Amino acid sequence: LAFVLIATIGTQGVVTRLLSDLFG
């Protein structure tokens, strides 16, 4: 579960990067 969270909403996670690149 920790790996899933880090990979999705971690500091370099997929969702984190998408929110930063698309919406700033």
PDB file of all heavy atoms in Angstrom:
ATOM      1  N   LEU A   1       0.825  -1.200   0.000  1.00  0.00           N
ATOM      2  CA  LEU A   1       0.000   0.000   0.000  1.00  0.00           C
ATOM      3  C   LEU A   1       0.859   1.250   0.000  1.00  0.00           C
ATOM      4  O   LEU A   1       0.546   2.240  -0.690  1.00  0.00           O
ATOM      5  CB  LEU A   1      -0.927  -0.013   1.214  1.00  0.00           C
ATOM      6  CG  LEU A   1      -1.849   1.195   1.386  1.00  0.00           C
ATOM      7  CD1 LEU A   1      -2.688   1.415   0.140  1.00  0.00           C
ATOM      8  CD2 LEU A   1      -2.733   1.013   2.613  1.00  0.00           C
ATOM      9  N   ALA A   2       1.943   1.242   0.759  1.00  0.00           N
ATOM     10  CA  ALA A   2       2.847   2.391   0.767  1.00  0.00           C
ATOM     11  C   ALA A   2       3.445   2.630  -0.616  1.00  0.00           C
ATOM     12  O   ALA A   2       3.560   3.777  -1.075  1.00  0.00           O
ATOM     13  CB  ALA A   2       3.953   2.179   1.798  1.00  0.00           C
ATOM     14  N   PHE A   3       3.812   1.563  -1.319  1.00  0.00           N
ATOM     15  CA  PHE A   3       4.370   1.707  -2.664  1.00  0.00           C
ATOM     16  C   PHE A   3       3.336   2.291  -3.627  1.00  0.00           C
ATOM     17  O   PHE A   3       3.671   3.156  -4.452  1.00  0.00           O
ATOM     18  CB  PHE A   3       4.850   0.349  -3.171  1.00  0.00           C
ATOM     19  CG  PHE A   3       5.259   0.361  -4.616  1.00  0.00           C
ATOM     20  CD1 PHE A   3       6.473   0.897  -5.003  1.00  0.00           C
ATOM     21  CD2 PHE A   3       4.416  -0.148  -5.592  1.00  0.00           C
ATOM     22  CE1 PHE A   3       6.850   0.923  -6.336  1.00  0.00           C
ATOM     23  CE2 PHE A   3       4.778  -0.129  -6.923  1.00  0.00           C
ATOM     24  CZ  PHE A   3       6.001   0.408  -7.301  1.00  0.00           C
ATOM     25  N   VAL A   4       2.086   1.827  -3.523  1.00  0.00           N
ATOM     26  CA  VAL A   4       1.035   2.350  -4.395  1.00  0.00           C
ATOM     27  C   VAL A   4       0.845   3.847  -4.176  1.00  0.00           C
ATOM     28  O   VAL A   4       0.731   4.620  -5.139  1.00  0.00           O
ATOM     29  CB  VAL A   4      -0.277   1.578  -4.155  1.00  0.00           C
ATOM     30  CG1 VAL A   4      -1.445   2.274  -4.858  1.00  0.00           C
ATOM     31  CG2 VAL A   4      -0.150   0.148  -4.651  1.00  0.00           C
ATOM     32  N   LEU A   5       0.814   4.277  -2.919  1.00  0.00           N
ATOM     33  CA  LEU A   5       0.635   5.697  -2.639  1.00  0.00           C
ATOM     34  C   LEU A   5       1.820   6.524  -3.137  1.00  0.00           C
ATOM     35  O   LEU A   5       1.639   7.596  -3.724  1.00  0.00           O
ATOM     36  CB  LEU A   5       0.438   5.905  -1.138  1.00  0.00           C
ATOM     37  CG  LEU A   5      -0.927   5.518  -0.569  1.00  0.00           C
ATOM     38  CD1 LEU A   5      -0.931   5.692   0.938  1.00  0.00           C
ATOM     39  CD2 LEU A   5      -2.030   6.346  -1.194  1.00  0.00           C
ATOM     40  N   ILE A   6       3.024   6.038  -2.898  1.00  0.00           N
ATOM     41  CA  ILE A   6       4.202   6.779  -3.336  1.00  0.00           C
ATOM     42  C   ILE A   6       4.257   6.869  -4.857  1.00  0.00           C
ATOM     43  O   ILE A   6       4.627   7.899  -5.433  1.00  0.00           O
ATOM     44  CB  ILE A   6       5.474   6.116  -2.777  1.00  0.00           C
ATOM     45  CG1 ILE A   6       5.495   6.239  -1.251  1.00  0.00           C
ATOM     46  CG2 ILE A   6       6.729   6.753  -3.373  1.00  0.00           C
ATOM     47  CD1 ILE A   6       6.624   5.480  -0.589  1.00  0.00           C
ATOM     48  N   ALA A   7       3.860   5.779  -5.541  1.00  0.00           N
ATOM     49  CA  ALA A   7       3.913   5.781  -7.005  1.00  0.00           C
ATOM     50  C   ALA A   7       2.828   6.646  -7.629  1.00  0.00           C
ATOM     51  O   ALA A   7       2.984   7.108  -8.764  1.00  0.00           O
ATOM     52  CB  ALA A   7       3.791   4.349  -7.530  1.00  0.00           C
ATOM     53  N   THR A   8       1.733   6.878  -6.902  1.00  0.00           N
ATOM     54  CA  THR A   8       0.630   7.668  -7.464  1.00  0.00           C
ATOM     55  C   THR A   8       0.649   9.113  -6.983  1.00  0.00           C
ATOM     56  O   THR A   8       0.643  10.048  -7.799  1.00  0.00           O
ATOM     57  CB  THR A   8      -0.715   7.017  -7.106  1.00  0.00           C
ATOM     58  OG1 THR A   8      -0.778   6.812  -5.673  1.00  0.00           O
ATOM     59  CG2 THR A   8      -0.881   5.688  -7.814  1.00  0.00           C
ATOM     60  N   ILE A   9       0.661   9.325  -5.670  1.00  0.00           N
ATOM     61  CA  ILE A   9       0.603  10.698  -5.149  1.00  0.00           C
ATOM     62  C   ILE A   9       1.838  11.036  -4.340  1.00  0.00           C
ATOM     63  O   ILE A   9       1.790  11.921  -3.464  1.00  0.00           O
ATOM     64  CB  ILE A   9      -0.666  10.918  -4.300  1.00  0.00           C
ATOM     65  CG1 ILE A   9      -0.697   9.955  -3.103  1.00  0.00           C
ATOM     66  CG2 ILE A   9      -1.917  10.773  -5.139  1.00  0.00           C
ATOM     67  CD1 ILE A   9      -1.836  10.235  -2.134  1.00  0.00           C
ATOM     68  N   GLY A  10       2.948  10.347  -4.576  1.00  0.00           N
ATOM     69  CA  GLY A  10       4.202  10.714  -3.930  1.00  0.00           C
ATOM     70  C   GLY A  10       4.749  12.001  -4.510  1.00  0.00           C
ATOM     71  O   GLY A  10       4.171  12.619  -5.413  1.00  0.00           O
ATOM     72  N   THR A  11       5.888  12.426  -4.019  1.00  0.00           N
ATOM     73  CA  THR A  11       6.477  13.679  -4.501  1.00  0.00           C
ATOM     74  C   THR A  11       6.797  13.628  -5.991  1.00  0.00           C
ATOM     75  O   THR A  11       6.786  14.662  -6.664  1.00  0.00           O
ATOM     76  CB  THR A  11       7.765  13.989  -3.712  1.00  0.00           C
ATOM     77  OG1 THR A  11       8.641  12.856  -3.751  1.00  0.00           O
ATOM     78  CG2 THR A  11       7.422  14.307  -2.259  1.00  0.00           C
ATOM     79  N   GLN A  12       7.061  12.432  -6.519  1.00  0.00           N
ATOM     80  CA  GLN A  12       7.287  12.264  -7.953  1.00  0.00           C
ATOM     81  C   GLN A  12       6.315  11.243  -8.533  1.00  0.00           C
ATOM     82  O   GLN A  12       6.635  10.578  -9.530  1.00  0.00           O
ATOM     83  CB  GLN A  12       8.740  11.815  -8.212  1.00  0.00           C
ATOM     84  CG  GLN A  12       9.798  12.805  -7.773  1.00  0.00           C
ATOM     85  CD  GLN A  12       9.705  14.119  -8.519  1.00  0.00           C
ATOM     86  OE1 GLN A  12       9.397  14.149  -9.713  1.00  0.00           O
ATOM     87  NE2 GLN A  12       9.995  15.226  -7.831  1.00  0.00           N
ATOM     88  N   GLY A  13       5.139  11.123  -7.932  1.00  0.00           N
ATOM     89  CA  GLY A  13       4.158  10.152  -8.375  1.00  0.00           C
ATOM     90  C   GLY A  13       3.495  10.546  -9.684  1.00  0.00           C
ATOM     91  O   GLY A  13       3.599  11.691 -10.155  1.00  0.00           O
ATOM     92  N   VAL A  14       2.791   9.587 -10.267  1.00  0.00           N
ATOM     93  CA  VAL A  14       2.141   9.821 -11.561  1.00  0.00           C
ATOM     94  C   VAL A  14       1.096  10.924 -11.455  1.00  0.00           C
ATOM     95  O   VAL A  14       1.065  11.866 -12.258  1.00  0.00           O
ATOM     96  CB  VAL A  14       1.511   8.512 -12.073  1.00  0.00           C
ATOM     97  CG1 VAL A  14       0.752   8.758 -13.375  1.00  0.00           C
ATOM     98  CG2 VAL A  14       2.576   7.442 -12.263  1.00  0.00           C
ATOM     99  N   VAL A  15       0.216  10.824 -10.476  1.00  0.00           N
ATOM    100  CA  VAL A  15      -0.831  11.830 -10.314  1.00  0.00           C
ATOM    101  C   VAL A  15      -0.230  13.180  -9.950  1.00  0.00           C
ATOM    102  O   VAL A  15      -0.686  14.233 -10.429  1.00  0.00           O
ATOM    103  CB  VAL A  15      -1.853  11.377  -9.259  1.00  0.00           C
ATOM    104  CG1 VAL A  15      -2.901  12.460  -9.015  1.00  0.00           C
ATOM    105  CG2 VAL A  15      -2.527  10.078  -9.684  1.00  0.00           C
ATOM    106  N   THR A  16       0.780  13.171  -9.132  1.00  0.00           N
ATOM    107  CA  THR A  16       1.430  14.419  -8.742  1.00  0.00           C
ATOM    108  C   THR A  16       2.023  15.141  -9.945  1.00  0.00           C
ATOM    109  O   THR A  16       1.873  16.365 -10.110  1.00  0.00           O
ATOM    110  CB  THR A  16       2.534  14.146  -7.708  1.00  0.00           C
ATOM    111  OG1 THR A  16       1.975  13.455  -6.591  1.00  0.00           O
ATOM    112  CG2 THR A  16       3.159  15.439  -7.225  1.00  0.00           C
ATOM    113  N   ARG A  17       2.685  14.399 -10.830  1.00  0.00           N
ATOM    114  CA  ARG A  17       3.280  15.007 -12.022  1.00  0.00           C
ATOM    115  C   ARG A  17       2.212  15.497 -12.989  1.00  0.00           C
ATOM    116  O   ARG A  17       2.369  16.562 -13.612  1.00  0.00           O
ATOM    117  CB  ARG A  17       4.189  13.992 -12.724  1.00  0.00           C
ATOM    118  CG  ARG A  17       5.367  13.504 -11.875  1.00  0.00           C
ATOM    119  CD  ARG A  17       6.242  14.636 -11.426  1.00  0.00           C
ATOM    120  NE  ARG A  17       6.749  15.414 -12.558  1.00  0.00           N
ATOM    121  CZ  ARG A  17       7.429  16.533 -12.450  1.00  0.00           C
ATOM    122  NH1 ARG A  17       7.654  17.046 -11.241  1.00  0.00           N
ATOM    123  NH2 ARG A  17       7.880  17.164 -13.530  1.00  0.00           N
ATOM    124  N   LEU A  18       1.111  14.740 -13.132  1.00  0.00           N
ATOM    125  CA  LEU A  18       0.036  15.171 -14.014  1.00  0.00           C
ATOM    126  C   LEU A  18      -0.594  16.469 -13.523  1.00  0.00           C
ATOM    127  O   LEU A  18      -0.867  17.388 -14.311  1.00  0.00           O
ATOM    128  CB  LEU A  18      -1.019  14.074 -14.130  1.00  0.00           C
ATOM    129  CG  LEU A  18      -0.645  12.850 -14.975  1.00  0.00           C
ATOM    130  CD1 LEU A  18      -1.753  11.803 -14.910  1.00  0.00           C
ATOM    131  CD2 LEU A  18      -0.381  13.256 -16.418  1.00  0.00           C
ATOM    132  N   LEU A  19      -0.870  16.565 -12.235  1.00  0.00           N
ATOM    133  CA  LEU A  19      -1.452  17.787 -11.682  1.00  0.00           C
ATOM    134  C   LEU A  19      -0.509  18.973 -11.855  1.00  0.00           C
ATOM    135  O   LEU A  19      -0.949  20.102 -12.093  1.00  0.00           O
ATOM    136  CB  LEU A  19      -1.784  17.577 -10.201  1.00  0.00           C
ATOM    137  CG  LEU A  19      -2.899  16.587  -9.883  1.00  0.00           C
ATOM    138  CD1 LEU A  19      -3.043  16.426  -8.371  1.00  0.00           C
ATOM    139  CD2 LEU A  19      -4.208  17.036 -10.500  1.00  0.00           C
ATOM    140  N   SER A  20       0.775  18.709 -11.737  1.00  0.00           N
ATOM    141  CA  SER A  20       1.746  19.798 -11.882  1.00  0.00           C
ATOM    142  C   SER A  20       1.894  20.227 -13.336  1.00  0.00           C
ATOM    143  O   SER A  20       1.941  21.429 -13.638  1.00  0.00           O
ATOM    144  CB  SER A  20       3.094  19.357 -11.318  1.00  0.00           C
ATOM    145  OG  SER A  20       4.076  20.347 -11.512  1.00  0.00           O
ATOM    146  N   ASP A  21       1.965  19.267 -14.257  1.00  0.00           N
ATOM    147  CA  ASP A  21       2.196  19.600 -15.663  1.00  0.00           C
ATOM    148  C   ASP A  21       0.958  20.166 -16.344  1.00  0.00           C
ATOM    149  O   ASP A  21       1.058  21.083 -17.164  1.00  0.00           O
ATOM    150  CB  ASP A  21       2.673  18.352 -16.418  1.00  0.00           C
ATOM    151  CG  ASP A  21       4.016  17.846 -15.904  1.00  0.00           C
ATOM    152  OD1 ASP A  21       4.734  18.646 -15.269  1.00  0.00           O
ATOM    153  OD2 ASP A  21       4.329  16.659 -16.116  1.00  0.00           O
ATOM    154  N   LEU A  22      -0.223  19.628 -16.013  1.00  0.00           N
ATOM    155  CA  LEU A  22      -1.444  20.049 -16.704  1.00  0.00           C
ATOM    156  C   LEU A  22      -2.097  21.266 -16.073  1.00  0.00           C
ATOM    157  O   LEU A  22      -2.639  22.127 -16.774  1.00  0.00           O
ATOM    158  CB  LEU A  22      -2.436  18.889 -16.751  1.00  0.00           C
ATOM    159  CG  LEU A  22      -1.989  17.635 -17.527  1.00  0.00           C
ATOM    160  CD1 LEU A  22      -3.070  16.559 -17.475  1.00  0.00           C
ATOM    161  CD2 LEU A  22      -1.655  17.984 -18.977  1.00  0.00           C
ATOM    162  N   PHE A  23      -2.086  21.328 -14.738  1.00  0.00           N
ATOM    163  CA  PHE A  23      -2.823  22.393 -14.056  1.00  0.00           C
ATOM    164  C   PHE A  23      -1.922  23.296 -13.219  1.00  0.00           C
ATOM    165  O   PHE A  23      -2.402  24.268 -12.628  1.00  0.00           O
ATOM    166  CB  PHE A  23      -3.909  21.790 -13.156  1.00  0.00           C
ATOM    167  CG  PHE A  23      -4.851  20.874 -13.876  1.00  0.00           C
ATOM    168  CD1 PHE A  23      -4.699  19.492 -13.772  1.00  0.00           C
ATOM    169  CD2 PHE A  23      -5.876  21.373 -14.672  1.00  0.00           C
ATOM    170  CE1 PHE A  23      -5.567  18.632 -14.426  1.00  0.00           C
ATOM    171  CE2 PHE A  23      -6.739  20.522 -15.335  1.00  0.00           C
ATOM    172  CZ  PHE A  23      -6.580  19.146 -15.227  1.00  0.00           C
ATOM    173  N   GLY A  24      -0.644  22.976 -13.134  1.00  0.00           N
ATOM    174  CA  GLY A  24       0.247  23.789 -12.321  1.00  0.00           C
ATOM    175  C   GLY A  24      -0.016  23.680 -10.835  1.00  0.00           C
ATOM    176  O   GLY A  24       0.372  24.568 -10.062  1.00  0.00           O
TER     177      GLY A  24
END
